[in-house]
Structure formats: C-alpha cells, structure tokens
Protein backbone atom coordinates (compact mmCIF):
# COMPACT_ATOMS: atom_id res chain seq x y z
CA MET A 1 19.91 23.09 -8.50
CA LEU A 2 18.82 24.93 -5.37
CA ASN A 3 15.58 23.01 -5.31
CA TRP A 4 17.48 19.73 -5.25
CA CYS A 5 20.03 20.88 -2.68
CA ARG A 6 17.35 21.43 -0.07
CA TRP A 7 16.66 17.68 -0.24
CA LEU A 8 20.24 16.70 0.53
CA LEU A 9 21.91 16.75 3.90
CA GLY A 10 24.82 15.20 5.73
CA GLY A 11 24.05 12.61 8.40
CA MET A 12 25.10 14.89 11.26
CA ALA A 13 22.91 17.73 10.10
CA LEU A 14 19.86 15.85 11.37
CA LEU A 15 21.09 16.32 14.91
CA CYS A 16 21.02 20.09 14.65
CA GLY A 17 18.06 22.46 15.00
CA THR A 18 14.62 21.69 16.32
CA VAL A 19 13.31 19.46 13.53
CA SER A 20 12.74 15.77 14.14
CA ALA A 21 13.41 13.10 11.53
CA ILE A 22 12.54 9.41 11.21
CA ASP A 23 14.52 6.85 9.19
CA PHE A 24 12.84 5.23 6.19
CA LEU A 25 13.93 1.87 7.59
CA ASN A 26 15.92 0.50 10.53
CA SER A 27 17.60 -2.74 11.59
CA ASP A 28 14.22 -4.30 12.44
CA SER A 29 12.04 -3.14 9.57
CA ILE A 30 14.68 -3.91 6.90
CA TRP A 31 13.64 -7.57 7.27
CA GLU A 32 9.98 -6.80 6.56
CA PHE A 33 10.08 -5.16 3.10
CA THR A 34 8.85 -7.37 0.24
CA GLY A 35 8.79 -7.13 -3.55
CA GLU A 36 6.30 -8.66 -5.97
CA ASN A 37 5.78 -10.51 -9.25
CA THR A 38 3.03 -9.36 -11.58
CA ALA A 39 1.91 -10.09 -15.13
CA GLY A 40 3.94 -7.12 -16.35
CA GLY A 41 7.18 -7.52 -14.41
CA SER A 42 8.81 -8.07 -11.04
CA VAL A 43 10.81 -6.35 -8.33
CA ARG A 44 13.17 -8.35 -6.15
CA CYS A 45 13.90 -6.99 -2.68
CA GLU A 46 16.86 -8.30 -0.68
CA MET A 47 19.04 -7.18 2.21
CA VAL A 48 22.69 -6.82 1.10
CA ASP A 49 25.94 -5.13 2.14
CA ALA A 50 25.61 -1.43 1.32
CA PRO A 51 27.89 -0.28 -1.54
CA GLU A 52 30.66 2.02 -0.26
CA LYS A 53 29.28 1.80 3.31
CA PRO A 54 31.31 -0.82 5.22
CA GLY A 55 29.46 -2.42 8.12
CA LEU A 56 26.00 -1.28 6.96
CA LYS A 57 23.18 -3.12 5.26
CA THR A 58 20.73 -1.81 2.67
CA LEU A 59 17.77 -2.94 0.59
CA LYS A 60 18.74 -3.83 -2.99
CA LEU A 61 15.73 -3.37 -5.28
CA THR A 62 15.93 -4.97 -8.73
CA PHE A 63 13.11 -3.87 -11.04
CA ARG A 64 12.48 -5.70 -14.32
CA LYS A 65 9.60 -4.69 -16.59
CA LYS A 66 8.41 -7.31 -19.08
CA GLU A 67 5.74 -5.22 -20.81
CA HIS A 68 4.16 -1.78 -20.73
CA LYS A 69 1.15 -1.78 -18.41
CA GLN A 70 -1.04 0.65 -16.52
CA ASP A 71 0.36 -0.75 -13.31
CA TRP A 72 3.37 -0.42 -11.00
CA LEU A 73 5.92 -2.59 -9.20
CA ASP A 74 5.80 -2.15 -5.40
CA VAL A 75 8.20 -2.76 -2.55
CA GLN A 76 6.23 -2.49 0.70
CA TYR A 77 6.44 -2.75 4.46
CA LYS A 78 3.18 -2.83 6.44
CA PRO A 79 3.98 -2.18 10.11
CA LEU A 80 1.71 -3.81 12.64
CA PRO A 81 0.74 -2.12 14.87
CA THR A 82 0.77 1.07 12.83
CA LEU A 83 3.35 3.78 13.52
CA ASP A 84 2.81 7.18 15.13
CA TRP A 85 4.95 9.76 13.30
CA SER A 86 3.02 12.77 14.62
CA ALA A 87 6.18 14.26 16.19
CA GLU A 88 8.29 13.83 13.04
CA ASP A 89 9.02 16.54 10.46
CA PHE A 90 10.98 14.55 7.87
CA VAL A 91 11.69 11.05 6.63
CA VAL A 92 15.38 10.40 5.92
CA LEU A 93 15.91 8.11 2.94
CA PRO A 94 19.47 7.07 1.97
CA TYR A 95 19.29 6.58 -1.81
CA PHE A 96 21.69 5.09 -4.37
CA ALA A 97 20.76 4.51 -8.05
CA GLU A 98 22.93 2.42 -10.35
CA LYS A 99 21.54 4.13 -13.48
CA PRO A 100 20.70 7.79 -14.00
CA ASN A 101 17.39 9.41 -14.90
CA ILE A 102 15.02 6.61 -13.83
CA PRO A 103 12.70 7.93 -11.12
CA LEU A 104 11.83 5.85 -8.09
CA TYR A 105 8.62 6.87 -6.32
CA VAL A 106 8.12 6.93 -2.55
CA LYS A 107 4.69 6.43 -0.99
CA ILE A 108 3.83 6.42 2.70
CA MET A 109 0.21 5.73 3.65
CA GLY A 110 -1.71 6.23 6.88
CA ASP A 111 -5.06 5.53 8.48
CA ASN A 112 -5.71 9.26 8.92
CA ALA A 113 -4.60 10.53 5.50
CA THR A 114 -7.45 12.44 3.91
CA ASN A 115 -6.80 12.00 0.17
CA PRO A 116 -8.45 9.13 -1.78
CA ASN A 117 -5.32 6.95 -1.96
CA ARG A 118 -4.55 7.45 1.76
CA ALA A 119 -1.07 8.86 1.05
CA VAL A 120 0.77 10.77 3.79
CA ILE A 121 3.38 11.60 1.12
CA GLU A 122 3.76 10.38 -2.46
CA HIS A 123 6.10 11.72 -5.15
CA PRO A 124 9.02 10.72 -7.35
CA LEU A 125 12.64 10.85 -6.22
CA PRO A 126 13.72 13.47 -6.90
CA GLU A 127 10.72 15.75 -6.50
CA LYS A 128 9.24 17.07 -9.74
CA GLY A 129 11.26 19.99 -11.09
CA ALA A 130 14.37 19.09 -9.09
CA GLU A 131 17.74 18.06 -10.48
CA PRO A 132 18.20 14.26 -10.48
CA PRO A 133 20.80 12.89 -8.06
CA SER A 134 23.97 11.52 -9.60
CA ALA A 135 23.99 7.77 -10.17
CA GLY A 136 26.57 5.54 -8.53
CA GLN A 137 26.73 7.36 -5.19
CA TRP A 138 24.77 7.77 -1.98
CA HIS A 139 22.42 10.68 -1.37
CA MET A 140 20.65 11.42 1.91
CA LEU A 141 17.15 12.51 0.93
CA LYS A 142 15.17 14.52 3.45
CA LEU A 143 11.46 14.11 2.65
CA PRO A 144 9.14 16.64 4.36
CA LEU A 145 6.10 15.23 6.13
CA PRO A 146 2.79 17.14 6.40
CA LYS A 147 2.43 19.72 9.15
CA ASP A 148 -0.88 18.19 10.28
CA THR A 149 0.08 15.88 13.15
CA ASN A 150 -3.09 13.79 12.85
CA ILE A 151 -2.26 12.75 9.27
CA LYS A 152 1.05 11.35 10.52
CA LYS A 153 -0.57 9.07 13.08
CA GLY A 154 -1.36 5.50 12.09
CA VAL A 155 1.27 5.05 9.34
CA ASN A 156 0.31 1.68 7.87
CA THR A 157 2.42 1.33 4.70
CA ILE A 158 5.96 2.41 3.79
CA SER A 159 6.81 1.77 0.15
CA VAL A 160 8.68 2.66 -3.02
CA TYR A 161 7.60 1.78 -6.54
CA CYS A 162 8.24 2.18 -10.28
CA PRO A 163 5.36 2.64 -12.75
CA MET A 164 5.24 0.36 -15.79
CA LEU A 165 3.55 2.83 -18.13
CA GLU A 166 5.00 3.12 -21.64
CA GLN A 167 5.93 6.77 -21.14
CA ASN A 168 7.79 5.98 -17.91
CA ALA A 169 11.58 5.73 -18.01
CA LEU A 170 11.71 2.14 -16.73
CA PRO A 171 13.12 0.14 -19.71
CA LEU A 172 11.81 -3.18 -20.97
CA ASN A 173 13.59 -6.47 -20.14
CA GLU A 174 16.45 -4.82 -18.31
CA ASP A 175 17.42 -4.94 -14.64
CA VAL A 176 17.23 -1.54 -12.93
CA VAL A 177 18.79 -1.47 -9.46
CA PHE A 178 18.30 0.95 -6.57
CA TYR A 179 19.59 0.76 -3.01
CA VAL A 180 17.43 2.38 -0.34
CA GLY A 181 17.98 2.74 3.39
CA LEU A 182 21.00 2.08 5.61
CA ALA A 183 21.02 0.08 8.83
CA LYS A 184 23.43 -1.80 11.04
CA TYR A 185 23.16 -5.57 10.86
CA LYS A 186 21.02 -7.03 13.62
CA MET A 187 20.10 -10.70 13.83
CA LYS A 188 16.35 -11.13 13.96
CA PRO A 189 15.38 -13.13 17.08
CA ARG A 190 14.56 -16.78 16.48
CA VAL A 191 11.08 -18.08 17.28
CA PRO A 192 11.30 -20.25 20.43
CA TRP A 193 11.07 -24.00 19.91
CA PRO A 194 8.90 -25.75 20.79
CA PRO A 195 6.64 -22.80 19.96
CA VAL A 196 4.70 -21.03 22.68
CA LYS A 197 1.33 -20.15 21.22
CA GLU A 198 0.96 -16.81 23.00
CA LYS A 199 4.35 -15.65 21.67
CA VAL A 200 4.21 -16.78 18.05
CA ALA A 201 0.59 -16.05 17.14
CA LYS A 202 -2.30 -13.88 18.15
CA LYS A 203 -5.73 -15.32 18.86
CA TYR A 204 -8.34 -14.79 16.19
CA HIS A 205 -12.06 -15.11 15.63
CA VAL A 206 -13.59 -15.63 12.17
CA ILE A 207 -16.28 -13.02 11.46
CA TRP A 208 -17.10 -14.10 7.90
CA ASP A 209 -15.95 -17.06 5.77
CA SER A 210 -18.94 -18.18 3.71
CA PRO A 211 -20.33 -17.87 0.17
CA VAL A 212 -22.13 -14.62 -0.63
CA THR A 213 -25.80 -15.19 -1.41
CA ASP A 214 -28.96 -13.11 -1.52
CA GLY A 215 -29.73 -14.06 2.07
CA SER A 216 -26.26 -13.24 3.42
CA PRO A 217 -25.29 -9.97 5.17
CA TRP A 218 -24.08 -8.32 1.94
CA LEU A 219 -25.93 -5.56 0.12
CA LYS A 220 -26.12 -4.71 -3.58
CA VAL A 221 -25.52 -0.97 -3.94
CA LYS A 222 -28.10 0.73 -6.17
CA ASP A 223 -28.00 4.36 -4.98
CA SER A 224 -25.88 7.39 -5.91
CA ASN A 225 -22.73 5.57 -4.78
CA ASN A 226 -23.05 3.48 -7.96
CA GLN A 227 -23.16 5.49 -11.20
CA ASN A 228 -24.48 2.51 -13.18
CA ASP A 229 -28.14 1.71 -13.84
CA HIS A 230 -27.60 -1.88 -12.64
CA ALA A 231 -26.47 -3.58 -9.45
CA ALA A 232 -24.07 -6.42 -8.73
CA GLU A 233 -25.12 -10.06 -8.91
CA PHE A 234 -24.39 -12.87 -6.44
CA LYS A 235 -23.46 -15.99 -8.42
CA ASP A 236 -22.07 -19.30 -7.13
CA GLY A 237 -21.11 -17.70 -3.83
CA ALA A 238 -19.23 -14.79 -5.48
CA ILE A 239 -19.99 -11.10 -6.12
CA CYS A 240 -20.02 -10.21 -9.83
CA PHE A 241 -20.16 -6.70 -11.23
CA VAL A 242 -19.41 -4.93 -14.52
CA SER A 243 -19.26 -1.14 -14.49
CA THR A 244 -20.03 0.71 -17.73
CA ALA A 245 -20.01 4.21 -16.22
CA ASN A 246 -17.18 6.51 -15.19
CA GLY A 247 -16.88 7.68 -11.61
CA TRP A 248 -16.85 5.96 -8.21
CA ASN A 249 -18.97 2.80 -8.37
CA GLU A 250 -19.41 1.01 -5.07
CA PHE A 251 -21.21 -2.23 -5.90
CA THR A 252 -21.32 -4.18 -2.61
CA TRP A 253 -21.41 -3.29 1.09
CA SER A 254 -21.44 -5.58 4.08
CA ASP A 255 -24.61 -5.03 6.15
CA PHE A 256 -23.23 -3.54 9.37
CA THR A 257 -26.40 -4.47 11.27
CA ARG A 258 -25.75 -8.19 10.65
CA LEU A 259 -22.02 -8.43 9.91
CA LYS A 260 -20.84 -6.36 12.85
CA LEU A 261 -17.33 -4.93 13.16
CA LYS A 262 -16.40 -3.85 16.67
CA PRO A 263 -14.99 -0.36 17.33
CA GLU A 264 -11.24 0.04 17.88
CA THR A 265 -10.55 -3.56 16.87
CA LEU A 266 -7.93 -5.13 14.60
CA TYR A 267 -9.18 -7.21 11.65
CA ARG A 268 -7.77 -8.96 8.61
CA LEU A 269 -9.65 -9.02 5.29
CA ASP A 270 -8.81 -11.62 2.60
CA PHE A 271 -10.46 -12.27 -0.74
CA ASP A 272 -9.77 -13.66 -4.22
CA TYR A 273 -10.70 -11.82 -7.40
CA ASP A 274 -11.02 -12.46 -11.13
CA VAL A 275 -11.01 -9.62 -13.66
CA THR A 276 -13.82 -10.26 -16.16
CA VAL A 277 -13.66 -7.02 -18.20
CA ASP A 278 -10.62 -4.79 -18.78
CA LEU A 279 -10.43 -1.57 -16.82
CA SER A 280 -10.95 1.66 -18.80
CA GLY A 281 -11.58 5.31 -18.07
CA PRO A 282 -9.48 8.29 -16.91
CA ASN A 283 -8.90 7.07 -13.32
CA CYS A 284 -9.75 3.39 -13.50
CA ILE A 285 -9.00 1.09 -10.57
CA PHE A 286 -10.57 -1.69 -8.57
CA TYR A 287 -10.74 -0.89 -4.86
CA SER A 288 -11.93 -1.95 -1.43
CA LEU A 289 -12.14 -0.11 1.88
CA ILE A 290 -13.87 -0.11 5.25
CA ARG A 291 -16.08 2.93 5.92
CA CYS A 292 -18.48 4.15 8.58
CA GLY A 293 -21.20 6.80 8.36
CA GLU A 294 -18.74 9.55 9.36
CA PRO A 295 -16.62 11.57 6.86
CA ILE A 296 -14.06 9.67 4.77
CA THR A 297 -11.30 10.76 7.16
CA LYS A 298 -12.38 7.77 9.26
CA ASP A 299 -12.00 5.29 6.38
CA VAL A 300 -9.63 2.40 7.11
CA GLY A 301 -8.22 -0.53 5.14
CA TRP A 302 -8.13 1.26 1.77
CA GLN A 303 -6.53 -0.73 -1.06
CA GLN A 304 -6.58 -0.46 -4.84
CA TRP A 305 -5.35 -2.65 -7.67
CA LEU A 306 -5.34 -3.02 -11.45
CA GLY A 307 -5.71 -5.96 -13.82
CA GLY A 308 -6.79 -7.06 -17.27
CA GLU A 309 -9.44 -9.53 -18.39
CA GLY A 310 -8.53 -13.07 -17.38
CA GLN A 311 -6.23 -12.07 -14.53
CA SER A 312 -6.86 -13.43 -11.03
CA GLY A 313 -5.32 -12.61 -7.69
CA HIS A 314 -5.60 -12.52 -3.92
CA ARG A 315 -5.78 -9.43 -1.68
CA SER A 316 -5.03 -9.32 2.03
CA ASN A 317 -5.14 -6.33 4.35
CA PHE A 318 -5.08 -5.56 8.08
CA PHE A 319 -7.24 -2.71 9.35
CA THR A 320 -8.21 -1.26 12.71
CA THR A 321 -11.65 0.28 13.16
CA LYS A 322 -12.07 3.56 15.01
CA GLU A 323 -14.66 4.28 17.69
CA ASN A 324 -17.67 4.01 15.34
CA LEU A 325 -20.15 1.12 15.46
CA ASP A 326 -21.28 1.12 11.82
CA TYR A 327 -18.18 0.13 9.80
CA ARG A 328 -18.86 -1.83 6.62
CA VAL A 329 -16.65 -3.49 4.01
CA ILE A 330 -16.99 -1.90 0.54
CA PHE A 331 -16.00 -3.21 -2.90
CA GLY A 332 -15.92 -0.89 -5.91
CA VAL A 333 -14.76 -0.05 -9.42
CA ARG A 334 -13.67 3.44 -10.30
CA ASP A 335 -14.72 4.09 -13.91
CA MET A 336 -15.31 0.98 -16.06
CA GLY A 337 -14.35 -2.67 -15.74
CA GLY A 338 -15.61 -6.02 -14.53
CA ILE A 339 -14.66 -8.14 -11.52
CA ARG A 340 -15.68 -11.21 -9.53
CA ILE A 341 -14.98 -11.19 -5.75
CA ARG A 342 -14.93 -14.60 -4.03
CA ASN A 343 -13.71 -16.42 -0.92
CA ILE A 344 -14.16 -13.38 1.34
CA ARG A 345 -12.78 -13.97 4.83
CA ILE A 346 -12.84 -11.47 7.71
CA VAL A 347 -11.00 -12.33 10.93
CA GLU A 348 -10.94 -10.44 14.22
CA ILE A 349 -7.42 -10.53 15.73
CA GLN A 350 -7.09 -10.39 19.50
C-alpha cells in the first residue's frame, strides 16, 4: 500500500516544496486528443463534464475490444511544436476508472528519449507492484519524470492506451470507460472568416511525392542493418520487402545525397502500407524513423505499428531534424513479416 500511496496527492500538495509538476492535459490540449478504430477494436475519446467535479471537463475514454490481437488501442495528442518539460519533475494525471482491475497504460514520447520506442515514461496505471486505485472515484496520480533534463525536451506525443492481448484484462465486446485529466472549460477560438492564409495554414514545400523506382533517391539496404540474405524490391512504384530473419531489418533508406533534408527543419512524412505477410518473432513490429550518421539519440520521427496479412493503412508523422546534414528516412521490419510501402510523401513545413 505504501508504494501506491506515494503516487497519490491532494491538489494543493503540488504547490509545496521545490518540485515542479506539469498537467497531463489543460484547457487547450484537451481538444487535441484523439482515439482510433482498428481491426481489433476501438477507443472513443470525447470531452465531457467530469464526474463529481462540477465546472470541470475531462476526457472520457471508451475502449471496446472486438478480438484478441498483438496490438493496442491508443489515445494520443501530438503537440506541435514539441514541448519542453526539462524543468518538470512530475506529470499530474487525474484518473477515474469505472471498473476495477483493468490497467490503463501511460506513454509520453520525446525527440531526445534514448530507448528504442522513444518513451520518456511508459508504464501501467498503477505502476507494477502497486495497489490498484479504487474504481468509481478520482485519484491524482503523480508520475515521476526522468532526472535527465535533455530527455524531457522535445516531448512529441502524450498518450494512454490499452493492450488487446489475450492475457490482458481488457474484456471482449464490452465497453470499458476511463476518465483522464481535469480542465476548466475554454472555448477554442474560431478560425477567422474569410480565412487569412498566414493564420490558418503554414507554407509548405514538397520534397518527395513520386513512385519509388531503381533510379529514384531510395536505397535497398543489403548490409548488417538487414539480417536477411535478400534486399527489398521496387515494384509498381512501391517498396516491397519480406523479412524471414529475427532482429532489426532496415530494408530501405532515402539517399541523403539526393533527397536532402535540411537541418533544424520541420517536415511531415506520409505513406500508405499493405501487410503482405503476418508479423512473427519475439519483438515483431513494422517501423519507420529518420536517422543521421550520429548516435541514435539524434533519431527523430520514430513510429511503429502492427498488422496482419491483408491489412492496409496510412501513417503520418511530423518530425524536426537536428543540426546534422545527413538525415535519411528509414523503413524496417523488426523480426519477420512482409510489407509494401507506397505513396510516400515528404513535405517541408515553413
């Protein structure tokens, strides 16, 4: 019980001592969180009146799993520009579960996080080994952030999720509701009409929006970054690859000498994908990222996803390069599985 108690605090306690805390959401960001629909289930995210908290709003998250899958249901907010939390010690997350003993996971990612999934923090609520909070009431969770101030700079994703694995507590075909965050109601400003271009949209420049062919600025990876004895193929303008070996398998890089990404510049990457062979292996994922020749601490734009044969989807991600001149876009498969990447579009945002 002591382990759990250290995660709980009254609202006024945050004002005492020398620690600094940041709210999980506020009256502006509460509008920006989104849920998702997947082949295995859905999570609906909506702003509602907070139960038992008159005058405050919260995010109501309704998870519904349709089938057991090696996947998860995400609720995410991607701040742009990214957030600097280097001066913060804790994240304060007001938390209310309608049903007991179903863990909700929190994940906050950052440009400078050094682990493979770019997580600043990631763990279930409550923390492993801690007593679960009582259902049907509010709890103020105080989530410690890393001591390393650099890791807390460039926060690019704030999210919660529920896994859909069979051994997870999320039940099949049943609504599971959580409420997260508390904020005062604040009307979001209306876009001026008629629109003023400089105020409603940034300028952009298309860097790449063409089919991938053997003569294009994309490279087939055949070295130690690909554990397979074969390389990707470029077919009908798409990149096709099937991995039959465990490990990290980067199969395509953009050629940074011809497809040049400027330093310290904001970009958006979009692409469609089709899963051609089921994922398998101990850590299997599809992934993409943007990397330079420096250590992986300078990686940006990391994203990962799952999927079974026959599934298709679209991925979109904003990233900001650092000072290096040799950033390249990378597509990969960790462990085994097959994928087709098509309709790649890279846009510089000014």
